[in-house]
Amino acid sequence: MHPAGDELVVCLAGAMTLHQELADGSARSVTIGPGEYAINPPGAWHTADVDGPATALFITAGAGTQHRPR
């Protein structure tokens, strides 16, 4: 969870499904492929699943980042 700003996730190869738990208590999942992106908003707990090889670029406002077990 990154409280300081959005996290941009760009899929460069393969595919991945991002799972988000938003600050308002709602949850959503989005699958992205090469050239597609998703945004993890501030305060959203999130994780990603891949079914095969994948490469992604993460651009993160890192200050205050928190981690929790999956």
Protein backbone atom coordinates (compact mmCIF):
# COMPACT_ATOMS: atom_id res chain seq x y z
CA MET A 1 0.00 0.00 0.00
CA HIS A 2 1.40 3.36 -1.05
CA PRO A 3 -0.19 6.31 0.76
CA ALA A 4 1.88 9.03 -0.96
CA GLY A 5 0.48 8.66 -4.50
CA ASP A 6 -0.59 6.47 -7.38
CA GLU A 7 1.41 3.46 -8.51
CA LEU A 8 1.56 2.94 -12.27
CA VAL A 9 1.89 -0.68 -13.44
CA VAL A 10 2.77 -1.20 -17.13
CA CYS A 11 2.78 -4.73 -18.55
CA LEU A 12 5.71 -5.10 -20.94
CA ALA A 13 5.36 -8.83 -21.74
CA GLY A 14 3.04 -11.66 -20.80
CA ALA A 15 -0.07 -10.90 -18.77
CA MET A 16 -0.93 -10.26 -15.14
CA THR A 17 -4.01 -9.79 -13.02
CA LEU A 18 -3.88 -7.00 -10.47
CA HIS A 19 -6.10 -7.29 -7.39
CA GLN A 20 -6.95 -4.12 -5.49
CA GLU A 21 -8.66 -3.51 -2.14
CA LEU A 22 -9.66 0.15 -2.32
CA ALA A 23 -9.81 2.56 0.60
CA ASP A 24 -13.65 2.61 0.44
CA GLY A 25 -13.73 -1.16 1.11
CA SER A 26 -14.54 -2.22 -2.45
CA ALA A 27 -12.40 -4.70 -4.38
CA ARG A 28 -11.61 -5.08 -8.05
CA SER A 29 -9.36 -7.08 -10.34
CA VAL A 30 -8.03 -6.12 -13.76
CA THR A 31 -6.03 -8.18 -16.23
CA ILE A 32 -3.47 -6.35 -18.35
CA GLY A 33 -1.34 -7.50 -21.28
CA PRO A 34 1.63 -6.07 -23.21
CA GLY A 35 1.35 -2.30 -23.65
CA GLU A 36 -1.54 -2.00 -21.19
CA TYR A 37 -1.41 -0.37 -17.77
CA ALA A 38 -3.31 -0.07 -14.53
CA ILE A 39 -3.14 2.38 -11.65
CA ASN A 40 -3.11 1.41 -7.99
CA PRO A 41 -4.54 4.47 -6.24
CA PRO A 42 -3.13 5.80 -2.95
CA GLY A 43 -4.23 3.73 0.04
CA ALA A 44 -5.21 0.66 -2.02
CA TRP A 45 -3.82 -2.68 -0.86
CA HIS A 46 -2.85 -4.62 -3.96
CA THR A 47 -1.13 -7.71 -5.31
CA ALA A 48 -0.61 -9.33 -8.71
CA ASP A 49 -0.94 -12.85 -10.09
CA VAL A 50 0.74 -14.22 -13.22
CA ASP A 51 0.09 -17.56 -14.92
CA GLY A 52 3.34 -17.58 -16.87
CA PRO A 53 6.38 -15.44 -17.63
CA ALA A 54 5.62 -11.72 -17.44
CA THR A 55 7.55 -8.48 -17.22
CA ALA A 56 6.18 -5.28 -15.72
CA LEU A 57 7.36 -1.77 -14.96
CA PHE A 58 6.22 -0.33 -11.62
CA ILE A 59 6.45 3.42 -10.98
CA THR A 60 5.69 4.03 -7.32
CA ALA A 61 5.45 6.96 -4.93
CA GLY A 62 7.44 5.01 -2.34
CA ALA A 63 7.30 7.19 0.77
CA GLY A 64 5.32 5.50 3.54
CA THR A 65 4.90 2.19 1.67
CA GLN A 66 3.45 -0.57 3.86
CA HIS A 67 3.49 -4.34 3.33
CA ARG A 68 1.29 -7.13 4.67
CA PRO A 69 1.26 -10.90 4.17
CA ARG A 70 -0.69 -12.15 1.21
